[in-house]
Protein backbone atom coordinates (compact mmCIF):
# COMPACT_ATOMS: atom_id res chain seq x y z
CA MET A 1 -85.73 -39.27 21.48
CA ASN A 2 -84.82 -36.64 23.66
CA LEU A 3 -88.43 -37.40 25.54
CA ILE A 4 -87.90 -40.18 27.16
CA ASP A 5 -89.10 -38.31 30.76
CA ASN A 6 -92.20 -37.29 29.27
CA TYR A 7 -93.68 -40.13 27.60
CA PRO A 8 -92.18 -43.76 29.11
CA THR A 9 -95.96 -44.36 29.97
CA SER A 10 -98.14 -42.56 27.49
CA ARG A 11 -98.68 -41.51 24.24
CA VAL A 12 -96.49 -39.05 22.03
CA PRO A 13 -99.17 -36.37 21.32
CA THR A 14 -99.28 -36.00 17.42
CA ASN A 15 -98.14 -32.47 17.43
CA ILE A 16 -94.99 -32.93 18.77
CA ARG A 17 -94.08 -35.72 16.35
CA LEU A 18 -90.85 -35.31 14.58
CA SER A 19 -89.02 -35.00 10.97
CA PHE A 20 -88.73 -38.22 9.15
CA LEU A 21 -84.56 -38.01 9.16
CA SER A 22 -84.69 -37.41 12.68
CA VAL A 23 -86.51 -40.87 13.81
CA THR A 24 -84.93 -42.78 10.53
CA LEU A 25 -81.33 -41.95 11.71
CA VAL A 26 -81.94 -42.96 15.17
CA HIS A 27 -83.56 -46.45 13.78
CA ALA A 28 -80.98 -46.77 11.19
CA GLY A 29 -78.43 -46.39 14.15
CA MET A 30 -79.72 -49.78 15.53
CA LEU A 31 -78.40 -51.84 12.09
CA THR A 32 -75.71 -49.56 10.89
CA ALA A 33 -73.46 -50.52 13.80
CA LEU A 34 -70.56 -52.77 14.45
CA ASP A 35 -73.03 -55.41 15.85
CA GLN A 36 -74.25 -55.50 12.08
CA PHE A 37 -70.32 -55.73 10.65
CA MET A 38 -69.60 -58.24 13.29
CA LEU A 39 -72.45 -60.33 11.91
CA GLY A 40 -71.72 -59.84 8.16
CA ALA A 41 -67.70 -60.99 9.11
CA VAL A 42 -69.20 -64.54 10.98
CA LEU A 43 -71.46 -64.79 7.74
CA GLY A 44 -68.27 -63.60 5.07
CA ASN A 45 -65.35 -66.29 7.15
CA SER A 46 -68.11 -69.24 7.39
CA MET A 47 -69.96 -69.27 4.37
CA THR A 48 -70.21 -68.89 0.67
CA LEU A 49 -70.62 -65.46 -0.71
CA THR A 50 -74.12 -67.08 -2.30
CA ASP A 51 -75.17 -68.41 0.57
CA ALA A 52 -74.38 -65.35 2.92
CA PHE A 53 -76.09 -63.00 0.41
CA LEU A 54 -79.09 -65.17 0.29
CA ALA A 55 -79.44 -65.45 3.93
CA ILE A 56 -79.05 -61.32 4.43
CA PHE A 57 -82.28 -61.33 1.54
CA ILE A 58 -84.50 -63.63 3.16
CA SER A 59 -83.89 -62.05 6.56
CA SER A 60 -84.35 -58.90 4.68
CA ILE A 61 -87.62 -59.44 3.45
CA ILE A 62 -88.89 -61.06 7.20
CA PHE A 63 -87.45 -58.06 8.66
CA GLY A 64 -88.89 -55.42 6.32
CA ILE A 65 -92.31 -56.88 6.88
CA ILE A 66 -92.77 -57.36 10.43
CA THR A 67 -90.91 -54.50 11.13
CA PHE A 68 -93.22 -52.09 9.27
CA ALA A 69 -96.38 -53.60 10.88
CA LEU A 70 -95.42 -52.92 14.23
CA GLY A 71 -93.75 -49.72 13.46
CA PHE A 72 -96.95 -48.83 11.83
CA ALA A 73 -99.15 -50.00 15.12
CA GLY A 74 -96.41 -47.82 17.31
CA MET A 75 -97.17 -44.77 15.10
CA LYS A 76 -100.79 -45.36 14.79
CA GLU A 77 -101.17 -45.32 18.60
CA GLY A 78 -98.07 -43.30 19.55
CA LEU A 79 -97.21 -46.17 22.27
CA SER A 80 -93.64 -47.74 22.88
CA SER A 81 -93.54 -51.33 22.57
CA SER A 82 -93.79 -52.27 26.17
CA LEU A 83 -96.56 -50.23 26.52
CA LEU A 84 -98.28 -51.44 23.34
CA ALA A 85 -97.85 -54.99 24.23
CA ARG A 86 -100.45 -54.64 27.10
CA TRP A 87 -103.34 -54.03 24.62
CA CYS A 88 -101.60 -56.37 22.14
CA GLY A 89 -102.77 -59.70 24.15
CA PHE A 90 -100.66 -59.62 26.86
CA GLY A 91 -102.22 -57.69 29.42
CA ARG A 92 -100.83 -55.89 32.13
CA ILE A 93 -98.43 -57.97 33.82
CA GLY A 94 -97.89 -59.83 30.31
CA SER A 95 -96.10 -56.67 29.11
CA VAL A 96 -94.17 -56.76 32.11
CA LEU A 97 -92.56 -60.10 31.11
CA VAL A 98 -91.96 -58.80 27.94
CA SER A 99 -90.69 -55.58 29.08
CA LEU A 100 -88.36 -57.61 31.03
CA THR A 101 -87.29 -59.64 28.01
CA ILE A 102 -86.44 -56.35 26.28
CA ALA A 103 -84.93 -55.36 28.82
CA ILE A 104 -82.30 -58.47 29.52
CA SER A 105 -81.68 -58.63 25.67
CA LEU A 106 -80.65 -54.97 25.25
CA VAL A 107 -78.37 -55.10 28.69
CA GLY A 108 -76.68 -57.87 26.67
CA TRP A 109 -76.23 -55.80 23.57
CA PHE A 110 -75.00 -53.41 26.22
CA GLY A 111 -72.15 -55.83 26.90
CA VAL A 112 -71.68 -56.98 23.61
CA GLN A 113 -71.14 -53.19 22.01
CA ASN A 114 -69.06 -52.37 25.07
CA ALA A 115 -66.76 -55.35 25.03
CA VAL A 116 -66.36 -54.37 21.04
CA PHE A 117 -65.46 -50.49 22.48
CA ALA A 118 -62.61 -51.95 25.12
CA LYS A 119 -61.17 -54.35 22.57
CA GLY A 120 -60.44 -51.32 20.11
CA LEU A 121 -59.49 -49.07 23.16
CA ASN A 122 -57.09 -51.07 24.24
CA TYR A 123 -55.33 -51.73 21.47
CA ALA A 124 -54.96 -48.06 20.74
CA LEU A 125 -53.25 -48.03 24.07
CA GLY A 126 -50.85 -51.06 23.30
CA ASN A 127 -52.64 -53.52 25.46
CA LYS A 128 -51.44 -51.38 28.57
CA LEU A 129 -55.14 -51.72 30.48
CA GLY A 130 -55.74 -55.35 29.60
CA PHE A 131 -59.38 -55.88 27.88
CA GLU A 132 -61.04 -56.19 31.92
CA TRP A 133 -59.95 -52.79 32.93
CA SER A 134 -60.33 -51.25 29.38
CA ALA A 135 -64.09 -53.06 29.40
CA THR A 136 -64.58 -51.46 33.19
CA LEU A 137 -63.44 -47.97 32.14
CA SER A 138 -65.75 -47.88 28.90
CA GLY A 139 -68.64 -48.96 30.44
CA LEU A 140 -68.48 -46.65 33.23
CA PHE A 141 -67.57 -43.87 30.68
CA LEU A 142 -70.66 -44.84 28.15
CA THR A 143 -73.34 -45.18 31.10
CA VAL A 144 -72.00 -42.05 32.58
CA LEU A 145 -72.36 -39.89 29.98
CA VAL A 146 -75.62 -41.73 28.64
CA ALA A 147 -77.14 -41.22 31.98
CA PHE A 148 -76.25 -37.16 31.84
CA GLY A 149 -76.84 -36.91 28.30
CA PHE A 150 -79.18 -38.08 26.73
CA LYS A 151 -80.64 -35.90 24.98
CA ALA A 152 -77.62 -35.80 22.37
CA LEU A 153 -79.15 -38.80 21.19
CA ARG A 154 -80.44 -37.42 17.73
CA PHE A 155 -77.80 -35.31 17.86
CA THR A 156 -75.37 -38.25 17.82
CA ALA A 157 -76.78 -40.13 15.39
CA TRP A 158 -76.90 -37.36 12.61
CA ILE A 159 -73.02 -37.54 12.93
CA ALA A 160 -72.16 -40.90 13.75
CA VAL A 161 -74.63 -42.93 11.02
CA PRO A 162 -73.12 -41.06 7.84
CA PHE A 163 -69.77 -41.05 9.69
CA PHE A 164 -69.81 -44.68 10.07
CA VAL A 165 -71.11 -45.80 6.55
CA ILE A 166 -68.74 -43.61 5.10
CA VAL A 167 -65.64 -44.58 7.07
CA ILE A 168 -66.73 -48.47 6.24
CA LEU A 169 -66.90 -47.73 2.51
CA PHE A 170 -63.57 -46.10 2.81
CA ILE A 171 -62.04 -49.14 4.91
CA SER A 172 -63.71 -51.21 2.41
CA ALA A 173 -62.38 -49.54 -0.90
CA GLY A 174 -58.89 -49.57 0.56
CA ILE A 175 -59.03 -53.40 1.24
CA LEU A 176 -61.24 -54.66 -1.51
CA LYS A 177 -58.69 -52.48 -4.06
CA HIS A 178 -55.62 -55.21 -3.71
CA HIS A 179 -58.11 -58.55 -4.02
CA ASN A 180 -59.58 -59.98 -7.09
CA MET A 181 -63.47 -60.16 -6.64
CA MET A 182 -63.62 -63.42 -8.89
CA ASP A 183 -60.80 -64.78 -6.57
CA LEU A 184 -63.05 -63.60 -3.45
CA ILE A 185 -66.54 -64.93 -4.67
CA GLN A 186 -64.75 -68.50 -5.71
CA SER A 187 -62.45 -69.11 -2.37
CA VAL A 188 -63.50 -71.68 0.51
CA PRO A 189 -64.35 -69.53 3.71
CA SER A 190 -61.96 -70.41 6.74
CA GLY A 191 -64.08 -70.04 9.33
CA GLU A 192 -66.48 -73.14 10.72
CA THR A 193 -69.70 -73.88 8.52
CA ILE A 194 -72.74 -72.16 8.84
CA THR A 195 -75.73 -73.53 7.51
CA LEU A 196 -78.25 -71.35 5.78
CA SER A 197 -80.74 -71.62 7.76
CA SER A 198 -78.54 -71.08 11.03
CA ALA A 199 -77.61 -67.93 9.15
CA ILE A 200 -81.27 -66.90 8.75
CA THR A 201 -81.46 -67.01 12.36
CA LEU A 202 -78.30 -65.38 13.38
CA ILE A 203 -79.38 -62.58 11.13
CA MET A 204 -82.49 -62.23 12.62
CA GLY A 205 -81.16 -62.50 16.00
CA GLY A 206 -79.26 -59.65 15.41
CA CYS A 207 -82.08 -57.43 14.02
CA ILE A 208 -85.11 -59.21 16.03
CA VAL A 209 -84.64 -56.54 19.07
CA ALA A 210 -85.05 -53.90 16.66
CA THR A 211 -88.06 -55.41 15.65
CA LEU A 212 -88.99 -54.88 18.84
CA ILE A 213 -88.35 -51.90 19.89
CA THR A 214 -89.28 -49.84 16.39
CA PRO A 215 -92.28 -48.57 18.04
CA ASP A 216 -90.10 -46.70 20.58
CA MET A 217 -89.18 -44.91 17.64
CA SER A 218 -91.73 -44.65 14.83
CA ARG A 219 -94.21 -43.69 17.63
CA TYR A 220 -92.69 -40.25 17.22
CA SER A 221 -93.18 -40.72 13.28
CA LYS A 222 -96.38 -38.79 11.47
CA ASN A 223 -97.79 -41.05 8.96
CA SER A 224 -97.32 -45.04 7.48
CA ARG A 225 -95.16 -43.54 4.63
CA GLN A 226 -92.43 -42.19 7.14
CA VAL A 227 -92.33 -45.76 8.85
CA PHE A 228 -92.18 -47.59 5.38
CA TRP A 229 -89.25 -45.59 4.33
CA MET A 230 -87.68 -45.20 7.94
CA VAL A 231 -87.54 -49.28 7.63
CA MET A 232 -86.17 -49.56 3.94
CA VAL A 233 -83.60 -47.26 4.51
CA SER A 234 -82.53 -48.92 7.94
CA ILE A 235 -82.39 -52.47 5.67
CA ILE A 236 -80.43 -50.93 2.72
CA LEU A 237 -77.55 -49.34 5.13
CA GLY A 238 -77.51 -52.12 8.09
CA GLU A 239 -78.04 -55.46 6.00
CA PHE A 240 -76.79 -55.29 2.57
CA VAL A 241 -74.15 -52.10 2.72
CA ILE A 242 -72.82 -52.81 6.20
CA ASN A 243 -73.50 -56.49 6.41
CA GLY A 244 -72.26 -57.09 2.75
CA LEU A 245 -68.89 -55.24 3.07
CA ALA A 246 -68.24 -56.90 6.13
CA ILE A 247 -68.81 -60.16 4.34
CA LEU A 248 -66.31 -59.14 1.75
CA LEU A 249 -63.64 -58.29 4.07
CA ALA A 250 -63.84 -61.02 6.32
CA ARG A 251 -63.12 -62.95 3.13
CA ALA A 252 -60.52 -60.58 1.89
CA LEU A 253 -58.58 -61.00 5.49
CA ASN A 254 -59.72 -64.21 6.50
CA THR A 255 -60.81 -63.13 10.02
CA ALA A 256 -64.39 -62.58 11.65
CA ASP A 257 -62.32 -60.10 14.08
CA VAL A 258 -64.11 -56.68 13.07
CA VAL A 259 -62.03 -54.89 16.05
CA THR A 260 -58.85 -55.68 14.07
CA ILE A 261 -60.16 -54.93 10.70
CA MET A 262 -61.42 -51.66 11.93
CA THR A 263 -58.34 -50.67 14.00
CA GLN A 264 -55.20 -51.74 11.90
CA THR A 265 -56.58 -50.79 8.60
CA ALA A 266 -58.06 -47.31 9.43
CA GLY A 267 -55.65 -46.53 12.40
CA GLY A 268 -57.23 -43.78 14.26
CA ILE A 269 -60.22 -42.87 11.98
CA GLY A 270 -61.12 -46.50 12.91
CA LEU A 271 -61.36 -46.42 16.69
CA LEU A 272 -63.18 -43.39 16.24
CA VAL A 273 -65.94 -45.53 14.38
CA VAL A 274 -65.36 -48.28 17.03
CA ILE A 275 -66.32 -45.27 19.46
CA PHE A 276 -69.04 -43.58 17.81
CA SER A 277 -70.77 -46.89 17.05
CA THR A 278 -70.66 -47.96 20.51
CA LEU A 279 -71.85 -44.62 21.85
CA ARG A 280 -74.54 -44.31 19.32
CA VAL A 281 -76.08 -47.85 19.73
CA ASN A 282 -75.86 -47.78 23.80
CA ASP A 283 -77.43 -44.65 23.82
CA ILE A 284 -80.25 -46.92 22.02
CA ASN A 285 -80.32 -49.74 24.18
CA LEU A 286 -80.31 -48.03 27.44
CA TYR A 287 -83.34 -45.50 26.06
CA SER A 288 -85.52 -48.88 24.98
CA SER A 289 -84.47 -50.78 28.06
CA SER A 290 -85.26 -47.88 30.14
CA LEU A 291 -89.13 -47.38 28.52
CA SER A 292 -89.08 -51.04 29.48
CA ILE A 293 -88.15 -51.34 32.88
CA ALA A 294 -90.18 -47.91 33.53
CA ASN A 295 -93.25 -49.93 32.21
CA SER A 296 -92.22 -52.60 34.54
CA ILE A 297 -92.46 -50.36 37.70
CA SER A 298 -95.42 -48.81 36.90
CA ILE A 299 -97.41 -51.56 36.45
CA LEU A 300 -96.00 -53.71 39.44
CA THR A 301 -95.89 -50.62 42.01
CA GLY A 302 -97.56 -47.42 40.47
CA LYS A 303 -94.65 -45.33 40.56
CA LYS A 304 -92.17 -43.53 38.28
CA VAL A 305 -88.90 -44.83 38.61
CA ASN A 306 -85.76 -42.09 38.71
CA TYR A 307 -84.23 -42.24 34.85
CA THR A 308 -80.45 -41.50 35.90
CA ILE A 309 -80.58 -44.21 38.76
CA LEU A 310 -82.01 -46.65 35.93
CA THR A 311 -79.46 -46.01 33.36
CA LEU A 312 -76.91 -46.14 35.73
CA SER A 313 -78.14 -49.41 37.24
CA ILE A 314 -78.26 -51.04 33.54
CA GLY A 315 -74.84 -49.54 32.44
CA ILE A 316 -73.12 -51.37 35.65
CA ILE A 317 -74.59 -54.75 34.46
CA GLY A 318 -74.07 -54.55 31.16
CA THR A 319 -70.71 -53.39 32.12
CA THR A 320 -70.50 -56.39 34.26
CA LEU A 321 -71.38 -58.65 31.52
CA SER A 322 -69.03 -57.67 28.56
CA VAL A 323 -66.16 -58.07 31.81
CA LEU A 324 -67.40 -61.30 32.28
CA GLY A 325 -66.82 -62.02 28.34
CA ILE A 326 -70.30 -62.07 26.92
CA LEU A 327 -68.53 -61.21 23.17
CA ASP A 328 -67.21 -64.21 23.09
CA ARG A 329 -70.76 -66.11 23.49
CA PHE A 330 -71.78 -63.61 20.45
CA VAL A 331 -72.99 -65.93 18.12
CA GLY A 332 -75.16 -67.94 20.75
CA PHE A 333 -76.77 -64.84 22.24
CA LEU A 334 -77.98 -64.07 18.91
CA THR A 335 -79.08 -67.64 18.11
CA ILE A 336 -81.21 -67.45 21.46
CA LEU A 337 -82.78 -64.19 20.53
CA GLY A 338 -83.19 -65.30 17.13
CA VAL A 339 -86.01 -67.87 18.87
CA ILE A 340 -87.06 -66.42 21.90
CA PHE A 341 -88.05 -62.62 20.24
CA PRO A 342 -89.99 -63.76 17.06
CA PRO A 343 -93.21 -65.35 19.31
CA ILE A 344 -93.59 -61.84 21.14
CA VAL A 345 -93.31 -60.08 17.75
CA GLY A 346 -95.86 -62.59 16.46
CA VAL A 347 -98.48 -62.34 19.03
CA MET A 348 -98.50 -58.62 18.72
CA LEU A 349 -98.96 -58.54 15.30
CA THR A 350 -101.59 -61.45 15.37
CA ASP A 351 -103.87 -59.73 18.02
CA TYR A 352 -103.53 -55.62 16.52
CA PHE A 353 -104.40 -56.60 13.23
CA ILE A 354 -106.43 -59.85 12.74
CA ILE A 355 -107.82 -60.51 16.46
CA LYS A 356 -108.23 -56.70 17.63
CA THR A 357 -109.50 -57.70 20.92
CA HIS A 358 -108.30 -53.87 21.89
CA ARG A 359 -108.97 -51.83 18.87
CA ASN A 360 -111.82 -50.58 19.76
CA ILE A 361 -111.08 -49.07 23.39
CA LEU A 362 -107.36 -48.00 21.77
CA LYS A 363 -109.31 -45.81 19.38
CA GLU A 364 -111.50 -44.20 21.60
CA THR A 365 -108.99 -43.24 24.11
CA GLN A 366 -106.48 -42.20 21.04
CA GLN A 367 -109.03 -39.25 20.89
CA GLY A 368 -107.85 -37.23 23.95
CA GLU A 369 -104.12 -38.90 23.82
CA LYS A 370 -104.74 -41.10 26.76
CA ILE A 371 -104.14 -44.55 27.57
CA PRO A 372 -106.61 -47.36 28.09
CA ALA A 373 -107.42 -47.71 32.06
CA ASN A 374 -106.58 -50.23 33.84
CA LYS A 375 -110.51 -51.60 34.28
CA ASP A 376 -110.33 -51.69 30.55
CA THR A 377 -107.08 -53.76 30.25
CA PRO A 378 -106.52 -57.53 31.27
CA LEU A 379 -104.56 -58.53 34.07
CA ILE A 380 -102.73 -61.17 32.40
CA GLY A 381 -103.15 -62.01 28.61
CA TRP A 382 -102.66 -66.02 29.12
CA ASN A 383 -103.16 -67.29 25.88
CA ALA A 384 -100.30 -65.15 24.27
CA VAL A 385 -98.17 -66.33 27.18
CA PHE A 386 -98.77 -69.33 26.77
CA ALA A 387 -98.13 -69.23 22.43
CA CYS A 388 -94.75 -67.74 23.63
CA VAL A 389 -93.49 -70.42 25.49
CA ILE A 390 -94.77 -73.07 23.20
CA ALA A 391 -93.23 -71.54 20.02
CA SER A 392 -89.76 -70.61 21.43
CA ILE A 393 -89.56 -74.14 22.66
CA LEU A 394 -90.94 -75.68 18.98
CA GLY A 395 -88.43 -72.80 17.55
CA ILE A 396 -85.45 -74.10 19.47
CA THR A 397 -86.07 -77.99 19.34
CA VAL A 398 -87.68 -78.16 15.72
CA GLU A 399 -84.58 -78.60 13.26
CA THR A 400 -86.85 -78.65 9.73
CA GLY A 401 -86.86 -75.19 8.32
CA ILE A 402 -85.63 -71.97 9.83
CA PRO A 403 -86.13 -71.80 13.32
CA THR A 404 -87.07 -67.50 13.73
CA VAL A 405 -89.71 -68.11 11.28
CA ASN A 406 -90.89 -71.46 13.01
CA SER A 407 -91.53 -69.75 16.25
CA LEU A 408 -92.99 -66.79 14.53
CA LEU A 409 -95.43 -68.64 13.27
CA ALA A 410 -96.17 -70.92 15.59
CA ALA A 411 -96.84 -68.15 17.88
CA SER A 412 -99.08 -66.35 15.65
CA ILE A 413 -101.21 -69.74 14.72
CA ILE A 414 -101.48 -70.78 18.58
CA TYR A 415 -102.35 -67.57 19.93
CA GLY A 416 -104.84 -67.29 16.93
CA LEU A 417 -106.42 -70.34 17.39
CA LEU A 418 -106.66 -70.08 21.51
CA SER A 419 -108.14 -66.41 20.92
CA ILE A 420 -110.92 -67.75 18.60
CA ILE A 421 -111.76 -70.87 21.20
CA LYS A 422 -111.92 -68.60 23.96
CA ARG A 423 -114.37 -66.45 21.74
């Protein structure tokens, strides 16, 4: 993924596609991270084990289907998510809206991850700095490191992903060996109760951003088989291993505070996991948000922006959010993402695989590894924008069913019907 300076607004050539492991480790890094561990701890502290694992299973099915489909489109066309949106219903200006939505959410994720890092750093220093100063220093450190060392992303993933999984297994084994598994299964959760539909929405809110930015990674894949197994590995490691162990640990320790779990039970190793996980995920956050903003600037001004300046700006904003306490609003943040992002995914999948408004022009330009000209691209896809707005409102207001699924299906159906009527 160190080719951001070369292909932010163009196709990735087929002759520089990367190996399966190179792409998969970067993609899996989005789900094998502390935010997933945090989410699992919230579920374990607020639900029965049966309901918690049922929520993970249902969410994994939904996530797997839509992520593979969108990842396949990214691989097939060699385009990032923001760029792909131009020819998947949204048009040029519509893709700017999609890009800004992605960028805003990833800046939020940067703030969440940095807040976790800061809590671990503050704990390691004996609370001498305080959270605010710890968050400021950690955020600026990560921002500068990523801005001037982005080429280390794949190298970081090769180290951090296996390291994170191994240490989580080590911590879990050390804690769970002192507890009876049947007692954990039968114990009553100590946190505020979360319903099954709310839990699925939280889980999808935690991984729907990964779905939407999957083309940013899969555009480097060589074929659909690689995309399929990339998604499967991410689900197995992220949803079942990391989330599952976090659920059990939260029940065993009666807390959802993952930094306490990591740093107090594993000491220095736990703190290293916090640091590596935060660094790796914020690499990806800055990577995809940079692609999104680059697409927006390219459309609005026709100019390219300096990547270092862009990254520093995003990092400073994300650091500010973490200092202001975005971590305290983690559950609400995930709930909003779980309703707003699925409609975008629904529209893009419906257009690319069913309506196929621009499949012919994409196929024609693919041979020369170019992108369609502006004259062949709509200025704005009003049907897509309208479908997303209505579907998001329905996802927020309709209490029956699962909000994430409701908004995704509503957007797909509304956009499909409007496209048929327009034709």
